[in-house]
Each structure stands twice: as C-alpha cells, then as structure tokens.
Amino acid sequence: ELTYVRTEIEIRRRQIMRQRKEIQALQRAGIPTTSAEE
C-alpha cells in the first residue's frame, strides 16, 4: 500500500542518518568502516 511504502521510506531514511553518524564515529576512533559502509 502507498501509505506503507511512504512510511517505510521515512523509517529507513532515519536509519540511514543514524548509520552515517555511526560511520563518522568509527572513523574518528580509527576503526575500519568497510562493513558499515557496505
């Protein structure tokens, strides 16, 4: 359903923002980020 698809997009966009922040934190700590980037 269209409403479901739109909701999923918003949820996943928030997850993407969290993932990007996590990657930045890992990079600052000098930890490899290959799997997080994949």
PDB file of all heavy atoms in Angstrom:
ATOM      1  N   GLU A   1       0.834  -1.187   0.000  1.00  0.00           N
ATOM      2  CA  GLU A   1       0.000   0.000   0.000  1.00  0.00           C
ATOM      3  C   GLU A   1       0.880   1.253   0.000  1.00  0.00           C
ATOM      4  O   GLU A   1       1.958   1.274   0.588  1.00  0.00           O
ATOM      5  CB  GLU A   1      -0.885  -0.013   1.240  1.00  0.00           C
ATOM      6  CG  GLU A   1      -1.932   1.066   1.241  1.00  0.00           C
ATOM      7  CD  GLU A   1      -2.838   0.968   2.452  1.00  0.00           C
ATOM      8  OE1 GLU A   1      -3.189  -0.163   2.832  1.00  0.00           O
ATOM      9  OE2 GLU A   1      -3.165   2.024   2.990  1.00  0.00           O
ATOM     10  N   LEU A   2       0.418   2.293  -0.655  1.00  0.00           N
ATOM     11  CA  LEU A   2       1.179   3.527  -0.796  1.00  0.00           C
ATOM     12  C   LEU A   2       1.566   4.119   0.559  1.00  0.00           C
ATOM     13  O   LEU A   2       2.710   4.538   0.757  1.00  0.00           O
ATOM     14  CB  LEU A   2       0.398   4.537  -1.630  1.00  0.00           C
ATOM     15  CG  LEU A   2       1.103   5.849  -1.952  1.00  0.00           C
ATOM     16  CD1 LEU A   2       2.421   5.609  -2.674  1.00  0.00           C
ATOM     17  CD2 LEU A   2       0.197   6.738  -2.781  1.00  0.00           C
ATOM     18  N   THR A   3       0.650   4.130   1.502  1.00  0.00           N
ATOM     19  CA  THR A   3       0.943   4.673   2.830  1.00  0.00           C
ATOM     20  C   THR A   3       2.061   3.884   3.499  1.00  0.00           C
ATOM     21  O   THR A   3       2.962   4.466   4.113  1.00  0.00           O
ATOM     22  CB  THR A   3      -0.326   4.636   3.711  1.00  0.00           C
ATOM     23  OG1 THR A   3      -1.363   5.320   3.032  1.00  0.00           O
ATOM     24  CG2 THR A   3      -0.084   5.268   5.061  1.00  0.00           C
ATOM     25  N   TYR A   4       2.021   2.572   3.356  1.00  0.00           N
ATOM     26  CA  TYR A   4       3.061   1.718   3.928  1.00  0.00           C
ATOM     27  C   TYR A   4       4.419   2.028   3.303  1.00  0.00           C
ATOM     28  O   TYR A   4       5.428   2.137   4.014  1.00  0.00           O
ATOM     29  CB  TYR A   4       2.704   0.243   3.725  1.00  0.00           C
ATOM     30  CG  TYR A   4       3.806  -0.697   4.125  1.00  0.00           C
ATOM     31  CD1 TYR A   4       4.030  -1.005   5.453  1.00  0.00           C
ATOM     32  CD2 TYR A   4       4.648  -1.254   3.160  1.00  0.00           C
ATOM     33  CE1 TYR A   4       5.061  -1.862   5.829  1.00  0.00           C
ATOM     34  CE2 TYR A   4       5.674  -2.108   3.525  1.00  0.00           C
ATOM     35  CZ  TYR A   4       5.877  -2.408   4.863  1.00  0.00           C
ATOM     36  OH  TYR A   4       6.900  -3.241   5.226  1.00  0.00           O
ATOM     37  N   VAL A   5       4.456   2.173   1.999  1.00  0.00           N
ATOM     38  CA  VAL A   5       5.709   2.445   1.295  1.00  0.00           C
ATOM     39  C   VAL A   5       6.294   3.780   1.770  1.00  0.00           C
ATOM     40  O   VAL A   5       7.478   3.877   2.059  1.00  0.00           O
ATOM     41  CB  VAL A   5       5.507   2.443  -0.232  1.00  0.00           C
ATOM     42  CG1 VAL A   5       6.757   2.898  -0.957  1.00  0.00           C
ATOM     43  CG2 VAL A   5       5.093   1.065  -0.710  1.00  0.00           C
ATOM     44  N   ARG A   6       5.442   4.793   1.872  1.00  0.00           N
ATOM     45  CA  ARG A   6       5.914   6.106   2.327  1.00  0.00           C
ATOM     46  C   ARG A   6       6.449   6.047   3.750  1.00  0.00           C
ATOM     47  O   ARG A   6       7.483   6.653   4.057  1.00  0.00           O
ATOM     48  CB  ARG A   6       4.790   7.125   2.216  1.00  0.00           C
ATOM     49  CG  ARG A   6       4.504   7.522   0.792  1.00  0.00           C
ATOM     50  CD  ARG A   6       3.386   8.527   0.700  1.00  0.00           C
ATOM     51  NE  ARG A   6       3.292   9.067  -0.646  1.00  0.00           N
ATOM     52  CZ  ARG A   6       2.204   9.583  -1.153  1.00  0.00           C
ATOM     53  NH1 ARG A   6       1.092   9.655  -0.421  1.00  0.00           N
ATOM     54  NH2 ARG A   6       2.197  10.050  -2.383  1.00  0.00           N
ATOM     55  N   THR A   7       5.778   5.300   4.607  1.00  0.00           N
ATOM     56  CA  THR A   7       6.239   5.150   5.989  1.00  0.00           C
ATOM     57  C   THR A   7       7.577   4.436   6.031  1.00  0.00           C
ATOM     58  O   THR A   7       8.489   4.846   6.769  1.00  0.00           O
ATOM     59  CB  THR A   7       5.190   4.376   6.815  1.00  0.00           C
ATOM     60  OG1 THR A   7       3.942   5.074   6.752  1.00  0.00           O
ATOM     61  CG2 THR A   7       5.614   4.228   8.254  1.00  0.00           C
ATOM     62  N   GLU A   8       7.717   3.384   5.260  1.00  0.00           N
ATOM     63  CA  GLU A   8       8.976   2.642   5.206  1.00  0.00           C
ATOM     64  C   GLU A   8      10.129   3.525   4.732  1.00  0.00           C
ATOM     65  O   GLU A   8      11.236   3.438   5.249  1.00  0.00           O
ATOM     66  CB  GLU A   8       8.848   1.424   4.283  1.00  0.00           C
ATOM     67  CG  GLU A   8       8.233   0.228   4.927  1.00  0.00           C
ATOM     68  CD  GLU A   8       9.056  -0.311   6.082  1.00  0.00           C
ATOM     69  OE1 GLU A   8      10.242  -0.628   5.905  1.00  0.00           O
ATOM     70  OE2 GLU A   8       8.499  -0.396   7.185  1.00  0.00           O
ATOM     71  N   ILE A   9       9.865   4.359   3.751  1.00  0.00           N
ATOM     72  CA  ILE A   9      10.904   5.262   3.244  1.00  0.00           C
ATOM     73  C   ILE A   9      11.380   6.176   4.367  1.00  0.00           C
ATOM     74  O   ILE A   9      12.587   6.346   4.570  1.00  0.00           O
ATOM     75  CB  ILE A   9      10.390   6.075   2.040  1.00  0.00           C
ATOM     76  CG1 ILE A   9      10.217   5.169   0.820  1.00  0.00           C
ATOM     77  CG2 ILE A   9      11.351   7.226   1.712  1.00  0.00           C
ATOM     78  CD1 ILE A   9       9.479   5.815  -0.338  1.00  0.00           C
ATOM     79  N   GLU A  10      10.455   6.755   5.106  1.00  0.00           N
ATOM     80  CA  GLU A  10      10.828   7.664   6.192  1.00  0.00           C
ATOM     81  C   GLU A  10      11.596   6.949   7.288  1.00  0.00           C
ATOM     82  O   GLU A  10      12.600   7.463   7.790  1.00  0.00           O
ATOM     83  CB  GLU A  10       9.583   8.347   6.770  1.00  0.00           C
ATOM     84  CG  GLU A  10       8.979   9.358   5.827  1.00  0.00           C
ATOM     85  CD  GLU A  10       9.987  10.392   5.339  1.00  0.00           C
ATOM     86  OE1 GLU A  10      10.711  10.969   6.167  1.00  0.00           O
ATOM     87  OE2 GLU A  10      10.052  10.622   4.119  1.00  0.00           O
ATOM     88  N   ILE A  11      11.151   5.756   7.657  1.00  0.00           N
ATOM     89  CA  ILE A  11      11.847   4.983   8.689  1.00  0.00           C
ATOM     90  C   ILE A  11      13.262   4.673   8.245  1.00  0.00           C
ATOM     91  O   ILE A  11      14.235   4.843   8.993  1.00  0.00           O
ATOM     92  CB  ILE A  11      11.074   3.684   9.001  1.00  0.00           C
ATOM     93  CG1 ILE A  11       9.780   4.011   9.735  1.00  0.00           C
ATOM     94  CG2 ILE A  11      11.933   2.707   9.802  1.00  0.00           C
ATOM     95  CD1 ILE A  11       8.821   2.840   9.860  1.00  0.00           C
ATOM     96  N   ARG A  12      13.402   4.225   7.027  1.00  0.00           N
ATOM     97  CA  ARG A  12      14.731   3.848   6.526  1.00  0.00           C
ATOM     98  C   ARG A  12      15.648   5.057   6.349  1.00  0.00           C
ATOM     99  O   ARG A  12      16.856   4.955   6.535  1.00  0.00           O
ATOM    100  CB  ARG A  12      14.596   3.043   5.246  1.00  0.00           C
ATOM    101  CG  ARG A  12      14.016   1.662   5.543  1.00  0.00           C
ATOM    102  CD  ARG A  12      13.707   0.889   4.294  1.00  0.00           C
ATOM    103  NE  ARG A  12      12.972  -0.309   4.590  1.00  0.00           N
ATOM    104  CZ  ARG A  12      13.532  -1.525   4.644  1.00  0.00           C
ATOM    105  NH1 ARG A  12      14.810  -1.677   4.420  1.00  0.00           N
ATOM    106  NH2 ARG A  12      12.784  -2.578   4.908  1.00  0.00           N
ATOM    107  N   ARG A  13      15.090   6.202   6.019  1.00  0.00           N
ATOM    108  CA  ARG A  13      15.919   7.402   5.917  1.00  0.00           C
ATOM    109  C   ARG A  13      16.487   7.784   7.276  1.00  0.00           C
ATOM    110  O   ARG A  13      17.633   8.215   7.385  1.00  0.00           O
ATOM    111  CB  ARG A  13      15.124   8.551   5.308  1.00  0.00           C
ATOM    112  CG  ARG A  13      14.958   8.402   3.811  1.00  0.00           C
ATOM    113  CD  ARG A  13      14.226   9.555   3.199  1.00  0.00           C
ATOM    114  NE  ARG A  13      14.200   9.424   1.740  1.00  0.00           N
ATOM    115  CZ  ARG A  13      13.368  10.067   0.959  1.00  0.00           C
ATOM    116  NH1 ARG A  13      12.480  10.903   1.466  1.00  0.00           N
ATOM    117  NH2 ARG A  13      13.406   9.882  -0.348  1.00  0.00           N
ATOM    118  N   ARG A  14      15.668   7.627   8.332  1.00  0.00           N
ATOM    119  CA  ARG A  14      16.181   7.882   9.687  1.00  0.00           C
ATOM    120  C   ARG A  14      17.280   6.889  10.043  1.00  0.00           C
ATOM    121  O   ARG A  14      18.294   7.249  10.640  1.00  0.00           O
ATOM    122  CB  ARG A  14      15.047   7.806  10.708  1.00  0.00           C
ATOM    123  CG  ARG A  14      14.244   9.075  10.754  1.00  0.00           C
ATOM    124  CD  ARG A  14      13.230   9.050  11.892  1.00  0.00           C
ATOM    125  NE  ARG A  14      11.930   9.308  11.287  1.00  0.00           N
ATOM    126  CZ  ARG A  14      10.907   8.479  11.247  1.00  0.00           C
ATOM    127  NH1 ARG A  14      10.978   7.313  11.839  1.00  0.00           N
ATOM    128  NH2 ARG A  14       9.791   8.806  10.650  1.00  0.00           N
ATOM    129  N   GLN A  15      17.103   5.623   9.668  1.00  0.00           N
ATOM    130  CA  GLN A  15      18.131   4.613   9.920  1.00  0.00           C
ATOM    131  C   GLN A  15      19.421   4.952   9.179  1.00  0.00           C
ATOM    132  O   GLN A  15      20.523   4.758   9.710  1.00  0.00           O
ATOM    133  CB  GLN A  15      17.641   3.229   9.491  1.00  0.00           C
ATOM    134  CG  GLN A  15      16.549   2.671  10.362  1.00  0.00           C
ATOM    135  CD  GLN A  15      15.972   1.364   9.809  1.00  0.00           C
ATOM    136  OE1 GLN A  15      16.065   1.092   8.607  1.00  0.00           O
ATOM    137  NE2 GLN A  15      15.370   0.588  10.679  1.00  0.00           N
ATOM    138  N   ILE A  16      19.292   5.461   7.973  1.00  0.00           N
ATOM    139  CA  ILE A  16      20.463   5.845   7.181  1.00  0.00           C
ATOM    140  C   ILE A  16      21.215   6.982   7.875  1.00  0.00           C
ATOM    141  O   ILE A  16      22.449   6.969   7.944  1.00  0.00           O
ATOM    142  CB  ILE A  16      20.043   6.231   5.747  1.00  0.00           C
ATOM    143  CG1 ILE A  16      19.666   4.966   4.960  1.00  0.00           C
ATOM    144  CG2 ILE A  16      21.135   7.017   5.035  1.00  0.00           C
ATOM    145  CD1 ILE A  16      18.992   5.226   3.638  1.00  0.00           C
ATOM    146  N   MET A  17      20.482   7.956   8.398  1.00  0.00           N
ATOM    147  CA  MET A  17      21.147   9.059   9.108  1.00  0.00           C
ATOM    148  C   MET A  17      21.910   8.531  10.321  1.00  0.00           C
ATOM    149  O   MET A  17      23.051   8.936  10.565  1.00  0.00           O
ATOM    150  CB  MET A  17      20.118  10.115   9.532  1.00  0.00           C
ATOM    151  CG  MET A  17      19.603  10.913   8.357  1.00  0.00           C
ATOM    152  SD  MET A  17      18.466  12.296   8.686  1.00  0.00           S
ATOM    153  CE  MET A  17      17.990  12.157  10.357  1.00  0.00           C
ATOM    154  N   ARG A  18      21.307   7.605  11.065  1.00  0.00           N
ATOM    155  CA  ARG A  18      21.999   7.021  12.219  1.00  0.00           C
ATOM    156  C   ARG A  18      23.232   6.246  11.778  1.00  0.00           C
ATOM    157  O   ARG A  18      24.287   6.316  12.421  1.00  0.00           O
ATOM    158  CB  ARG A  18      21.054   6.114  13.005  1.00  0.00           C
ATOM    159  CG  ARG A  18      20.047   6.871  13.838  1.00  0.00           C
ATOM    160  CD  ARG A  18      19.359   5.980  14.855  1.00  0.00           C
ATOM    161  NE  ARG A  18      18.610   4.884  14.254  1.00  0.00           N
ATOM    162  CZ  ARG A  18      17.330   4.943  13.915  1.00  0.00           C
ATOM    163  NH1 ARG A  18      16.640   6.042  14.110  1.00  0.00           N
ATOM    164  NH2 ARG A  18      16.735   3.898  13.390  1.00  0.00           N
ATOM    165  N   GLN A  19      23.111   5.521  10.678  1.00  0.00           N
ATOM    166  CA  GLN A  19      24.242   4.739  10.177  1.00  0.00           C
ATOM    167  C   GLN A  19      25.390   5.655   9.761  1.00  0.00           C
ATOM    168  O   GLN A  19      26.558   5.368  10.041  1.00  0.00           O
ATOM    169  CB  GLN A  19      23.797   3.861   9.005  1.00  0.00           C
ATOM    170  CG  GLN A  19      24.869   2.947   8.457  1.00  0.00           C
ATOM    171  CD  GLN A  19      25.235   1.826   9.407  1.00  0.00           C
ATOM    172  OE1 GLN A  19      24.554   1.573  10.396  1.00  0.00           O
ATOM    173  NE2 GLN A  19      26.317   1.142   9.107  1.00  0.00           N
ATOM    174  N   ARG A  20      25.077   6.762   9.116  1.00  0.00           N
ATOM    175  CA  ARG A  20      26.118   7.706   8.708  1.00  0.00           C
ATOM    176  C   ARG A  20      26.840   8.288   9.928  1.00  0.00           C
ATOM    177  O   ARG A  20      28.056   8.444   9.924  1.00  0.00           O
ATOM    178  CB  ARG A  20      25.518   8.821   7.858  1.00  0.00           C
ATOM    179  CG  ARG A  20      25.200   8.383   6.457  1.00  0.00           C
ATOM    180  CD  ARG A  20      24.692   9.518   5.606  1.00  0.00           C
ATOM    181  NE  ARG A  20      24.613   9.108   4.214  1.00  0.00           N
ATOM    182  CZ  ARG A  20      23.660   9.458   3.387  1.00  0.00           C
ATOM    183  NH1 ARG A  20      22.684  10.244   3.783  1.00  0.00           N
ATOM    184  NH2 ARG A  20      23.660   9.031   2.139  1.00  0.00           N
ATOM    185  N   LYS A  21      26.071   8.612  10.970  1.00  0.00           N
ATOM    186  CA  LYS A  21      26.675   9.125  12.201  1.00  0.00           C
ATOM    187  C   LYS A  21      27.574   8.078  12.847  1.00  0.00           C
ATOM    188  O   LYS A  21      28.654   8.396  13.348  1.00  0.00           O
ATOM    189  CB  LYS A  21      25.593   9.566  13.186  1.00  0.00           C
ATOM    190  CG  LYS A  21      24.892  10.830  12.760  1.00  0.00           C
ATOM    191  CD  LYS A  21      23.800  11.204  13.737  1.00  0.00           C
ATOM    192  CE  LYS A  21      23.018  12.418  13.242  1.00  0.00           C
ATOM    193  NZ  LYS A  21      21.918  12.759  14.146  1.00  0.00           N
ATOM    194  N   GLU A  22      27.130   6.830  12.812  1.00  0.00           N
ATOM    195  CA  GLU A  22      27.925   5.747  13.371  1.00  0.00           C
ATOM    196  C   GLU A  22      29.233   5.585  12.591  1.00  0.00           C
ATOM    197  O   GLU A  22      30.298   5.386  13.177  1.00  0.00           O
ATOM    198  CB  GLU A  22      27.133   4.443  13.343  1.00  0.00           C
ATOM    199  CG  GLU A  22      27.855   3.297  14.010  1.00  0.00           C
ATOM    200  CD  GLU A  22      27.026   2.031  14.039  1.00  0.00           C
ATOM    201  OE1 GLU A  22      25.818   2.117  14.292  1.00  0.00           O
ATOM    202  OE2 GLU A  22      27.611   0.957  13.797  1.00  0.00           O
ATOM    203  N   ILE A  23      29.155   5.678  11.275  1.00  0.00           N
ATOM    204  CA  ILE A  23      30.362   5.574  10.445  1.00  0.00           C
ATOM    205  C   ILE A  23      31.333   6.698  10.793  1.00  0.00           C
ATOM    206  O   ILE A  23      32.538   6.471  10.931  1.00  0.00           O
ATOM    207  CB  ILE A  23      29.999   5.583   8.944  1.00  0.00           C
ATOM    208  CG1 ILE A  23      29.314   4.261   8.563  1.00  0.00           C
ATOM    209  CG2 ILE A  23      31.234   5.810   8.075  1.00  0.00           C
ATOM    210  CD1 ILE A  23      28.715   4.241   7.175  1.00  0.00           C
ATOM    211  N   GLN A  24      30.817   7.907  10.958  1.00  0.00           N
ATOM    212  CA  GLN A  24      31.677   9.028  11.325  1.00  0.00           C
ATOM    213  C   GLN A  24      32.349   8.788  12.674  1.00  0.00           C
ATOM    214  O   GLN A  24      33.539   9.068  12.845  1.00  0.00           O
ATOM    215  CB  GLN A  24      30.884  10.330  11.363  1.00  0.00           C
ATOM    216  CG  GLN A  24      30.467  10.821   9.999  1.00  0.00           C
ATOM    217  CD  GLN A  24      29.560  12.044  10.073  1.00  0.00           C
ATOM    218  OE1 GLN A  24      28.995  12.356  11.111  1.00  0.00           O
ATOM    219  NE2 GLN A  24      29.420  12.733   8.949  1.00  0.00           N
ATOM    220  N   ALA A  25      31.607   8.265  13.630  1.00  0.00           N
ATOM    221  CA  ALA A  25      32.175   7.982  14.952  1.00  0.00           C
ATOM    222  C   ALA A  25      33.261   6.916  14.846  1.00  0.00           C
ATOM    223  O   ALA A  25      34.319   7.038  15.496  1.00  0.00           O
ATOM    224  CB  ALA A  25      31.073   7.534  15.912  1.00  0.00           C
ATOM    225  N   LEU A  26      33.015   5.900  14.053  1.00  0.00           N
ATOM    226  CA  LEU A  26      34.021   4.855  13.866  1.00  0.00           C
ATOM    227  C   LEU A  26      35.282   5.422  13.210  1.00  0.00           C
ATOM    228  O   LEU A  26      36.408   5.085  13.596  1.00  0.00           O
ATOM    229  CB  LEU A  26      33.450   3.714  13.010  1.00  0.00           C
ATOM    230  CG  LEU A  26      32.370   2.849  13.656  1.00  0.00           C
ATOM    231  CD1 LEU A  26      31.744   1.925  12.621  1.00  0.00           C
ATOM    232  CD2 LEU A  26      32.932   2.050  14.816  1.00  0.00           C
ATOM    233  N   GLN A  27      35.099   6.286  12.223  1.00  0.00           N
ATOM    234  CA  GLN A  27      36.242   6.890  11.544  1.00  0.00           C
ATOM    235  C   GLN A  27      37.056   7.743  12.505  1.00  0.00           C
ATOM    236  O   GLN A  27      38.288   7.721  12.483  1.00  0.00           O
ATOM    237  CB  GLN A  27      35.778   7.716  10.345  1.00  0.00           C
ATOM    238  CG  GLN A  27      35.290   6.864   9.199  1.00  0.00           C
ATOM    239  CD  GLN A  27      34.623   7.663   8.097  1.00  0.00           C
ATOM    240  OE1 GLN A  27      34.127   8.774   8.326  1.00  0.00           O
ATOM    241  NE2 GLN A  27      34.585   7.097   6.896  1.00  0.00           N
ATOM    242  N   ARG A  28      36.378   8.509  13.348  1.00  0.00           N
ATOM    243  CA  ARG A  28      37.088   9.333  14.340  1.00  0.00           C
ATOM    244  C   ARG A  28      37.876   8.472  15.313  1.00  0.00           C
ATOM    245  O   ARG A  28      38.945   8.858  15.766  1.00  0.00           O
ATOM    246  CB  ARG A  28      36.106  10.223  15.106  1.00  0.00           C
ATOM    247  CG  ARG A  28      35.664  11.442  14.335  1.00  0.00           C
ATOM    248  CD  ARG A  28      34.956  12.437  15.231  1.00  0.00           C
ATOM    249  NE  ARG A  28      33.701  11.916  15.753  1.00  0.00           N
ATOM    250  CZ  ARG A  28      32.508  12.059  15.183  1.00  0.00           C
ATOM    251  NH1 ARG A  28      32.400  12.726  14.055  1.00  0.00           N
ATOM    252  NH2 ARG A  28      31.430  11.544  15.732  1.00  0.00           N
ATOM    253  N   ALA A  29      37.344   7.290  15.618  1.00  0.00           N
ATOM    254  CA  ALA A  29      38.015   6.381  16.544  1.00  0.00           C
ATOM    255  C   ALA A  29      39.096   5.555  15.856  1.00  0.00           C
ATOM    256  O   ALA A  29      39.808   4.799  16.516  1.00  0.00           O
ATOM    257  CB  ALA A  29      36.988   5.453  17.182  1.00  0.00           C
ATOM    258  N   GLY A  30      39.209   5.703  14.542  1.00  0.00           N
ATOM    259  CA  GLY A  30      40.228   4.968  13.803  1.00  0.00           C
ATOM    260  C   GLY A  30      39.872   3.511  13.554  1.00  0.00           C
ATOM    261  O   GLY A  30      40.745   2.682  13.309  1.00  0.00           O
ATOM    262  N   ILE A  31      38.607   3.186  13.613  1.00  0.00           N
ATOM    263  CA  ILE A  31      38.138   1.816  13.402  1.00  0.00           C
ATOM    264  C   ILE A  31      37.714   1.665  11.937  1.00  0.00           C
ATOM    265  O   ILE A  31      37.052   2.551  11.391  1.00  0.00           O
ATOM    266  CB  ILE A  31      36.949   1.515  14.342  1.00  0.00           C
ATOM    267  CG1 ILE A  31      37.402   1.643  15.799  1.00  0.00           C
ATOM    268  CG2 ILE A  31      36.363   0.131  14.072  1.00  0.00           C
ATOM    269  CD1 ILE A  31      36.275   1.582  16.805  1.00  0.00           C
ATOM    270  N   PRO A  32      38.090   0.561  11.296  1.00  0.00           N
ATOM    271  CA  PRO A  32      37.694   0.343   9.901  1.00  0.00           C
ATOM    272  C   PRO A  32      36.168   0.373   9.733  1.00  0.00           C
ATOM    273  O   PRO A  32      35.436  -0.147  10.573  1.00  0.00           O
ATOM    274  CB  PRO A  32      38.242  -1.043   9.567  1.00  0.00           C
ATOM    275  CG  PRO A  32      39.308  -1.295  10.579  1.00  0.00           C
ATOM    276  CD  PRO A  32      38.905  -0.537  11.808  1.00  0.00           C
ATOM    277  N   THR A  33      35.712   0.976   8.651  1.00  0.00           N
ATOM    278  CA  THR A  33      34.274   1.166   8.429  1.00  0.00           C
ATOM    279  C   THR A  33      33.756   0.446   7.192  1.00  0.00           C
ATOM    280  O   THR A  33      32.623   0.696   6.777  1.00  0.00           O
ATOM    281  CB  THR A  33      33.968   2.673   8.285  1.00  0.00           C
ATOM    282  OG1 THR A  33      34.734   3.199   7.203  1.00  0.00           O
ATOM    283  CG2 THR A  33      34.287   3.425   9.554  1.00  0.00           C
ATOM    284  N   THR A  34      34.542  -0.448   6.643  1.00  0.00           N
ATOM    285  CA  THR A  34      34.160  -1.113   5.395  1.00  0.00           C
ATOM    286  C   THR A  34      32.799  -1.798   5.499  1.00  0.00           C
ATOM    287  O   THR A  34      31.930  -1.586   4.653  1.00  0.00           O
ATOM    288  CB  THR A  34      35.225  -2.137   4.977  1.00  0.00           C
ATOM    289  OG1 THR A  34      36.483  -1.477   4.914  1.00  0.00           O
ATOM    290  CG2 THR A  34      34.902  -2.751   3.631  1.00  0.00           C
ATOM    291  N   SER A  35      32.598  -2.599   6.529  1.00  0.00           N
ATOM    292  CA  SER A  35      31.332  -3.333   6.641  1.00  0.00           C
ATOM    293  C   SER A  35      30.175  -2.375   6.906  1.00  0.00           C
ATOM    294  O   SER A  35      29.065  -2.575   6.387  1.00  0.00           O
ATOM    295  CB  SER A  35      31.404  -4.400   7.734  1.00  0.00           C
ATOM    296  OG  SER A  35      31.638  -3.792   8.985  1.00  0.00           O
ATOM    297  N   ALA A  36      30.399  -1.319   7.678  1.00  0.00           N
ATOM    298  CA  ALA A  36      29.355  -0.333   7.946  1.00  0.00           C
ATOM    299  C   ALA A  36      28.991   0.412   6.668  1.00  0.00           C
ATOM    300  O   ALA A  36      27.818   0.717   6.425  1.00  0.00           O
ATOM    301  CB  ALA A  36      29.805   0.641   9.028  1.00  0.00           C
ATOM    302  N   GLU A  37      29.982   0.700   5.830  1.00  0.00           N
ATOM    303  CA  GLU A  37      29.725   1.385   4.561  1.00  0.00           C
ATOM    304  C   GLU A  37      28.980   0.479   3.586  1.00  0.00           C
ATOM    305  O   GLU A  37      28.127   0.946   2.820  1.00  0.00           O
ATOM    306  CB  GLU A  37      31.028   1.890   3.968  1.00  0.00           C
ATOM    307  CG  GLU A  37      31.613   3.052   4.775  1.00  0.00           C
ATOM    308  CD  GLU A  37      33.011   3.449   4.343  1.00  0.00           C
ATOM    309  OE1 GLU A  37      33.601   2.772   3.478  1.00  0.00           O
ATOM    310  OE2 GLU A  37      33.508   4.438   4.890  1.00  0.00           O
ATOM    311  N   GLU A  38      29.294  -0.826   3.614  1.00  0.00           N
ATOM    312  CA  GLU A  38      28.560  -1.772   2.765  1.00  0.00           C
ATOM    313  C   GLU A  38      27.096  -1.863   3.192  1.00  0.00           C
ATOM    314  O   GLU A  38      26.196  -1.907   2.355  1.00  0.00           O
ATOM    315  CB  GLU A  38      29.220  -3.148   2.816  1.00  0.00           C
ATOM    316  CG  GLU A  38      30.564  -3.189   2.115  1.00  0.00           C
ATOM    317  CD  GLU A  38      31.324  -4.483   2.355  1.00  0.00           C
ATOM    318  OE1 GLU A  38      30.869  -5.328   3.169  1.00  0.00           O
ATOM    319  OE2 GLU A  38      32.382  -4.652   1.741  1.00  0.00           O
TER     320      GLU A  38
END
